[in-house]
Amino acid sequence: MAVLLETSKGDIVIDLFVDDAPKTCLNFVKLCKMKYYNHCKFFDIQKDFMAQTGDPTNTGRGGDSVFKFLYGEQARFFEDEIHATRKHEKFGTVSMAPAAENANASQFIITTRAGAVDALDGTRTIFGEVSEGMDVLRAINEAYCDESGRPWQNIRIKHCVVLDDPFDDPPGFAELVPDASPPRKEDPDDDRLEDDFDVNAEMNKDEAQIEEEKRGREAHNRAVVLELIGDLPDADAKPPEESLFVCKLNPVTTDEDLEIIFSRFGKVLSCDVIRDFKTGASLGYAFVNFEHKHEAEQAYFKMDNVLIDDRRIHVDFSQSMHHLWKNFKR
């Protein structure tokens, strides 16, 4: 039996040693079917030694066995299945990464040394070996990492595909299997490049592109702040192209007056003179919303600097979310 791991470096196929480690293999296969490993990082890569993954917290301190989900917290860990004949003797050996003796959960390692790794023998359950994707495993082994073994660019398990499952599903297991892969949770404290970041594409950008993207990120960040404090209905909202901003109004000019004047250019959906919420007095500006963009454009070119109620008004395309907020609050 085998499982395919789709990683951000490519695909790896692991053949499982079902006869030697049946409980460990059952745990691994069922966690794969639960999509439990999706988005897990290779959080500890020791070059020419091993690569560790399988912890959704990506800290080396988390992870649960399938038995916890089936039977409760007391079944979080399960016992070792160590055989004297199984050794970490070649590149691509797959074994558990237990928290302690007989404390296996979900974390596992893949050896990346061409020869034997004797230090691991007798302490970890070997339950499989890489049969395809050796070049992918080499790429993971060559990743640039900090002194703790954490890659500077995240390497993740994206999906798991069970190619052959000889184990019957335990009672209640079907309820644990989601219909789709869970979304990746963003970690605000993660300072590493994400796995889909294209380093080569970034290096080929000129200064103008970099500056433009920087301004775009800054604008988006400001929009997020405005959304949080309530000045925007949504961070990605854009001013409607059918909306005009009218200012320098005479305080006596009313909504109805403006609507009649601007309706010569098309259907006016709304016309709002903004007023002081306490006194009701006009603040001297308004928003006029047309049905179509071309109507707003005609009004913009024709009405700027026009005299209304003895005041020369100024007309511009609106950069406000006033109209969107009205719809949003409904």
Protein backbone atom coordinates (compact mmCIF):
# COMPACT_ATOMS: atom_id res chain seq x y z
CA MET A 1 0.00 0.00 0.00
CA ALA A 2 1.14 3.56 -0.60
CA VAL A 3 0.39 7.22 0.04
CA LEU A 4 1.25 10.16 -2.22
CA LEU A 5 2.25 13.42 -0.56
CA GLU A 6 1.85 16.50 -2.73
CA THR A 7 4.39 18.99 -1.38
CA SER A 8 5.33 22.48 -2.48
CA LYS A 9 8.53 20.94 -3.92
CA GLY A 10 6.77 18.13 -5.79
CA ASP A 11 5.23 14.71 -5.18
CA ILE A 12 6.57 11.99 -2.90
CA VAL A 13 5.21 8.42 -2.83
CA ILE A 14 5.64 6.47 0.41
CA ASP A 15 5.32 2.68 0.46
CA LEU A 16 4.06 1.54 3.87
CA PHE A 17 5.23 -1.46 5.90
CA VAL A 18 1.79 -2.68 6.91
CA ASP A 19 2.94 -6.05 8.23
CA ASP A 20 5.66 -4.62 10.49
CA ALA A 21 3.76 -1.59 11.81
CA PRO A 22 0.03 -2.09 11.27
CA LYS A 23 -1.20 0.35 13.91
CA THR A 24 1.22 3.05 12.82
CA CYS A 25 0.25 2.60 9.17
CA LEU A 26 -3.45 2.67 10.02
CA ASN A 27 -2.93 5.91 11.95
CA PHE A 28 -0.97 7.48 9.09
CA VAL A 29 -3.44 6.47 6.39
CA LYS A 30 -6.51 7.61 8.30
CA LEU A 31 -4.91 10.98 9.14
CA CYS A 32 -4.16 11.39 5.43
CA LYS A 33 -7.79 10.62 4.58
CA MET A 34 -8.88 13.19 7.18
CA LYS A 35 -6.70 15.76 5.35
CA TYR A 36 -5.01 16.27 8.70
CA TYR A 37 -1.59 16.75 7.14
CA ASN A 38 -2.72 19.31 4.57
CA HIS A 39 -0.72 22.56 4.95
CA CYS A 40 1.70 21.04 7.50
CA LYS A 41 5.21 22.46 7.12
CA PHE A 42 8.52 20.67 7.08
CA PHE A 43 9.49 22.66 10.15
CA ASP A 44 12.79 20.94 10.97
CA ILE A 45 15.22 20.05 8.17
CA GLN A 46 18.64 18.79 9.22
CA LYS A 47 20.70 18.56 6.04
CA ASP A 48 21.88 15.02 5.19
CA PHE A 49 20.07 13.71 8.27
CA MET A 50 16.29 14.06 8.25
CA ALA A 51 13.25 16.27 7.52
CA GLN A 52 10.41 16.42 10.06
CA THR A 53 6.74 17.27 9.49
CA GLY A 54 3.24 16.15 10.47
CA ASP A 55 2.52 18.74 13.18
CA PRO A 56 -0.33 21.15 12.32
CA THR A 57 1.07 23.64 14.86
CA ASN A 58 4.45 23.49 13.06
CA THR A 59 6.26 23.72 16.38
CA GLY A 60 7.28 20.11 17.05
CA ARG A 61 5.08 20.09 20.16
CA GLY A 62 1.68 19.40 18.59
CA GLY A 63 -0.12 16.69 16.70
CA ASP A 64 -2.70 14.02 17.52
CA SER A 65 -3.24 10.44 16.47
CA VAL A 66 -6.43 9.34 14.74
CA PHE A 67 -7.29 7.43 17.91
CA LYS A 68 -7.73 10.67 19.83
CA PHE A 69 -10.37 11.81 17.36
CA LEU A 70 -12.11 8.45 17.63
CA TYR A 71 -11.83 7.69 21.35
CA GLY A 72 -10.88 10.88 23.17
CA GLU A 73 -7.91 12.67 24.73
CA GLN A 74 -6.68 9.59 26.60
CA ALA A 75 -6.00 7.93 23.23
CA ARG A 76 -3.90 10.77 21.80
CA PHE A 77 -0.71 8.66 21.75
CA PHE A 78 -0.12 5.03 20.80
CA GLU A 79 2.70 2.59 21.41
CA ASP A 80 5.86 1.96 19.38
CA GLU A 81 6.10 -0.84 16.81
CA ILE A 82 9.88 -1.21 16.63
CA HIS A 83 11.43 -4.21 14.87
CA ALA A 84 15.09 -5.13 15.12
CA THR A 85 15.19 -5.96 11.42
CA ARG A 86 14.06 -2.50 10.36
CA LYS A 87 16.86 0.08 10.25
CA HIS A 88 17.26 3.67 9.13
CA GLU A 89 19.71 2.40 6.56
CA LYS A 90 18.93 4.34 3.40
CA PHE A 91 17.82 7.65 1.97
CA GLY A 92 14.05 8.08 2.27
CA THR A 93 13.29 5.92 5.32
CA VAL A 94 10.06 7.08 7.00
CA SER A 95 9.58 6.75 10.75
CA MET A 96 7.56 8.29 13.55
CA ALA A 97 8.75 11.25 15.62
CA PRO A 98 7.37 10.35 19.06
CA ALA A 99 7.11 12.79 21.95
CA ALA A 100 8.60 10.07 24.16
CA GLU A 101 8.76 6.29 24.32
CA ASN A 102 5.40 4.82 23.26
CA ALA A 103 4.07 8.34 22.61
CA ASN A 104 3.41 8.40 18.87
CA ALA A 105 0.83 10.80 17.43
CA SER A 106 1.08 12.38 13.95
CA GLN A 107 4.62 13.67 13.51
CA PHE A 108 7.05 11.76 11.32
CA ILE A 109 10.47 12.13 9.74
CA ILE A 110 12.03 11.16 6.41
CA THR A 111 15.75 10.45 6.46
CA THR A 112 17.88 12.38 3.96
CA ARG A 113 21.25 10.68 4.42
CA ALA A 114 22.51 8.42 1.66
CA GLY A 115 23.70 5.82 4.17
CA ALA A 116 22.62 4.53 7.55
CA VAL A 117 21.42 6.78 10.38
CA ASP A 118 22.24 4.48 13.29
CA ALA A 119 21.35 7.06 15.95
CA LEU A 120 17.66 6.68 15.13
CA ASP A 121 17.52 2.89 15.24
CA GLY A 122 15.68 1.28 18.13
CA THR A 123 13.91 4.47 19.22
CA ARG A 124 11.49 5.14 16.37
CA THR A 125 8.88 3.10 14.55
CA ILE A 126 9.86 2.69 10.91
CA PHE A 127 6.65 2.39 8.90
CA GLY A 128 7.61 3.14 5.31
CA GLU A 129 10.06 4.32 2.70
CA VAL A 130 10.03 6.76 -0.19
CA SER A 131 9.62 4.85 -3.45
CA GLU A 132 9.10 7.79 -5.83
CA GLY A 133 10.08 11.45 -5.66
CA MET A 134 13.71 11.11 -4.60
CA ASP A 135 14.52 14.34 -6.44
CA VAL A 136 11.82 16.11 -4.43
CA LEU A 137 13.28 14.79 -1.19
CA ARG A 138 16.72 15.99 -2.28
CA ALA A 139 15.27 19.45 -2.96
CA ILE A 140 13.78 19.51 0.55
CA ASN A 141 17.15 18.43 1.95
CA GLU A 142 18.87 21.31 0.12
CA ALA A 143 16.48 23.98 1.44
CA TYR A 144 18.04 27.08 3.00
CA CYS A 145 17.34 26.92 6.74
CA ASP A 146 18.14 28.85 9.89
CA GLU A 147 20.23 27.40 12.71
CA SER A 148 17.21 25.54 14.11
CA GLY A 149 16.51 23.79 10.81
CA ARG A 150 13.48 25.86 9.86
CA PRO A 151 13.42 26.75 6.14
CA TRP A 152 13.54 30.41 5.14
CA GLN A 153 10.84 29.60 2.61
CA ASN A 154 8.03 27.39 3.89
CA ILE A 155 7.81 23.89 2.47
CA ARG A 156 4.37 22.36 2.99
CA ILE A 157 2.42 19.19 2.47
CA LYS A 158 -0.36 20.47 0.23
CA HIS A 159 -2.44 17.32 -0.15
CA CYS A 160 -2.32 13.62 0.68
CA VAL A 161 -3.66 10.95 -1.67
CA VAL A 162 -4.14 7.42 -0.32
CA LEU A 163 -3.32 5.14 -3.23
CA ASP A 164 -4.27 1.94 -1.42
CA ASP A 165 -5.98 1.50 1.95
CA PRO A 166 -6.19 -2.09 3.24
CA PHE A 167 -7.72 -1.00 6.56
CA ASP A 168 -11.44 -0.85 7.23
CA ASP A 169 -12.60 2.53 8.51
CA PRO A 170 -13.25 2.41 12.29
CA PRO A 171 -16.80 3.18 13.47
CA GLY A 172 -17.39 6.92 13.44
CA PHE A 173 -14.43 7.62 11.17
CA ALA A 174 -16.51 8.75 8.17
CA GLU A 175 -17.73 11.74 10.19
CA LEU A 176 -14.12 12.90 10.60
CA VAL A 177 -13.42 13.15 6.87
CA PRO A 178 -14.12 16.65 5.46
CA ASP A 179 -15.63 17.14 2.03
CA ALA A 180 -12.77 19.42 0.99
CA SER A 181 -9.33 20.42 2.14
CA PRO A 182 -9.50 22.90 5.02
CA PRO A 183 -8.25 26.40 4.18
CA ARG A 184 -4.72 27.27 5.18
CA LYS A 185 -4.63 29.28 8.40
CA GLU A 186 -2.50 32.39 8.13
CA ASP A 187 0.04 32.83 10.90
CA PRO A 188 0.62 36.55 11.59
CA ASP A 189 3.88 35.68 13.37
CA ASP A 190 5.29 33.70 10.43
CA ASP A 191 8.17 35.76 9.03
CA ARG A 192 9.16 33.24 6.33
CA LEU A 193 8.50 33.39 2.61
CA GLU A 194 5.40 31.40 1.75
CA ASP A 195 5.75 28.21 -0.25
CA ASP A 196 4.13 29.73 -3.36
CA PHE A 197 6.42 32.79 -3.37
CA ASP A 198 8.34 32.91 -6.67
CA VAL A 199 11.86 34.06 -5.80
CA ASN A 200 13.04 34.17 -9.42
CA ALA A 201 10.05 36.26 -10.51
CA GLU A 202 10.73 38.74 -7.70
CA MET A 203 14.41 39.02 -8.65
CA ASN A 204 13.49 39.89 -12.25
CA LYS A 205 11.25 42.81 -11.30
CA ASP A 206 12.47 46.33 -11.99
CA GLU A 207 12.36 49.16 -9.45
CA ALA A 208 9.13 50.57 -10.89
CA GLN A 209 7.30 47.26 -10.42
CA ILE A 210 8.63 46.87 -6.90
CA GLU A 211 7.60 50.43 -5.99
CA GLU A 212 4.14 49.97 -7.52
CA GLU A 213 3.55 46.76 -5.55
CA LYS A 214 4.82 48.45 -2.39
CA ARG A 215 2.32 51.27 -2.83
CA GLY A 216 -0.40 48.73 -3.49
CA ARG A 217 0.39 46.84 -0.28
CA GLU A 218 0.47 50.09 1.70
CA ALA A 219 -2.88 51.16 0.27
CA HIS A 220 -4.39 47.79 1.11
CA ASN A 221 -3.02 47.96 4.64
CA ARG A 222 -4.57 51.39 5.10
CA ALA A 223 -7.86 50.06 3.78
CA VAL A 224 -7.77 47.18 6.26
CA VAL A 225 -7.27 49.68 9.09
CA LEU A 226 -10.21 51.75 7.84
CA GLU A 227 -12.34 48.62 7.68
CA LEU A 228 -11.40 47.71 11.25
CA ILE A 229 -12.32 51.14 12.61
CA GLY A 230 -15.53 51.25 10.60
CA ASP A 231 -14.71 53.75 7.83
CA LEU A 232 -14.93 51.15 5.07
CA PRO A 233 -17.51 48.37 4.64
CA ASP A 234 -14.79 46.13 3.21
CA ALA A 235 -11.01 46.43 2.79
CA ASP A 236 -11.21 45.61 -0.92
CA ALA A 237 -14.12 47.95 -1.66
CA LYS A 238 -13.62 50.45 -4.49
CA PRO A 239 -15.48 53.73 -5.04
CA PRO A 240 -18.37 53.25 -7.50
CA GLU A 241 -17.65 54.70 -10.94
CA GLU A 242 -21.24 55.98 -11.22
CA SER A 243 -20.89 58.24 -8.18
CA LEU A 244 -20.02 61.96 -8.20
CA PHE A 245 -18.85 64.19 -5.37
CA VAL A 246 -20.32 67.70 -5.41
CA CYS A 247 -18.99 70.42 -3.09
CA LYS A 248 -19.08 74.20 -2.48
CA LEU A 249 -22.87 74.03 -2.32
CA ASN A 250 -25.03 76.84 -1.06
CA PRO A 251 -26.54 75.76 2.29
CA VAL A 252 -30.02 76.35 0.85
CA THR A 253 -29.53 73.80 -1.96
CA THR A 254 -31.57 70.64 -1.27
CA ASP A 255 -31.42 67.01 -2.39
CA GLU A 256 -34.41 67.60 -4.66
CA ASP A 257 -32.78 70.62 -6.30
CA LEU A 258 -29.63 68.69 -7.18
CA GLU A 259 -31.54 65.64 -8.37
CA ILE A 260 -33.60 67.72 -10.80
CA ILE A 261 -30.48 69.47 -12.14
CA PHE A 262 -28.36 66.31 -12.54
CA SER A 263 -31.18 64.13 -13.90
CA ARG A 264 -30.76 65.78 -17.31
CA PHE A 265 -27.71 63.53 -17.78
CA GLY A 266 -29.43 60.25 -16.90
CA LYS A 267 -31.30 58.37 -14.22
CA VAL A 268 -30.24 59.52 -10.74
CA LEU A 269 -30.48 56.64 -8.29
CA SER A 270 -29.81 58.78 -5.24
CA CYS A 271 -28.81 62.31 -4.35
CA ASP A 272 -27.72 63.08 -0.80
CA VAL A 273 -26.74 66.45 0.58
CA ILE A 274 -24.67 65.68 3.67
CA ARG A 275 -25.95 67.39 6.79
CA ASP A 276 -24.87 67.89 10.38
CA PHE A 277 -26.40 65.02 12.33
CA LYS A 278 -27.35 67.34 15.22
CA THR A 279 -28.56 70.53 13.56
CA GLY A 280 -29.55 69.21 10.13
CA ALA A 281 -27.68 72.07 8.47
CA SER A 282 -26.05 71.41 5.10
CA LEU A 283 -22.30 70.78 5.21
CA GLY A 284 -21.93 72.08 1.67
CA TYR A 285 -21.29 68.84 -0.19
CA ALA A 286 -23.28 65.96 -1.65
CA PHE A 287 -23.08 62.62 -3.46
CA VAL A 288 -24.95 61.99 -6.70
CA ASN A 289 -25.25 58.39 -7.89
CA PHE A 290 -26.20 57.58 -11.47
CA GLU A 291 -27.37 54.30 -12.93
CA HIS A 292 -24.58 54.15 -15.51
CA LYS A 293 -20.93 55.21 -15.66
CA HIS A 294 -21.28 57.23 -18.88
CA GLU A 295 -24.04 59.34 -17.29
CA ALA A 296 -21.74 60.27 -14.43
CA GLU A 297 -18.98 61.13 -16.91
CA GLN A 298 -21.26 63.51 -18.85
CA ALA A 299 -22.38 65.22 -15.64
CA TYR A 300 -18.76 65.55 -14.53
CA PHE A 301 -17.70 67.35 -17.72
CA LYS A 302 -20.79 69.58 -17.91
CA MET A 303 -21.47 70.52 -14.29
CA ASP A 304 -18.09 71.41 -12.83
CA ASN A 305 -17.93 75.14 -11.98
CA VAL A 306 -21.63 75.63 -12.78
CA LEU A 307 -23.56 78.25 -10.79
CA ILE A 308 -26.28 76.80 -8.51
CA ASP A 309 -28.09 79.01 -6.01
CA ASP A 310 -25.43 81.71 -6.52
CA ARG A 311 -22.57 79.30 -5.75
CA ARG A 312 -20.09 77.85 -8.25
CA ILE A 313 -19.97 74.18 -7.43
CA HIS A 314 -17.10 71.76 -7.89
CA VAL A 315 -17.79 68.26 -9.26
CA ASP A 316 -15.43 65.28 -9.16
CA PHE A 317 -15.61 61.51 -9.20
CA SER A 318 -16.28 60.25 -5.71
CA GLN A 319 -13.55 58.54 -3.71
CA SER A 320 -16.01 57.95 -0.88
CA MET A 321 -17.78 54.77 0.21
CA HIS A 322 -20.89 56.74 1.20
CA HIS A 323 -23.14 54.98 -1.30
CA LEU A 324 -21.64 51.55 -0.53
CA TRP A 325 -22.11 52.08 3.18
CA LYS A 326 -25.81 52.80 2.62
CA ASN A 327 -26.21 49.49 0.79
CA PHE A 328 -24.00 47.66 3.25
CA LYS A 329 -26.05 48.82 6.25
CA ARG A 330 -29.27 47.69 4.65
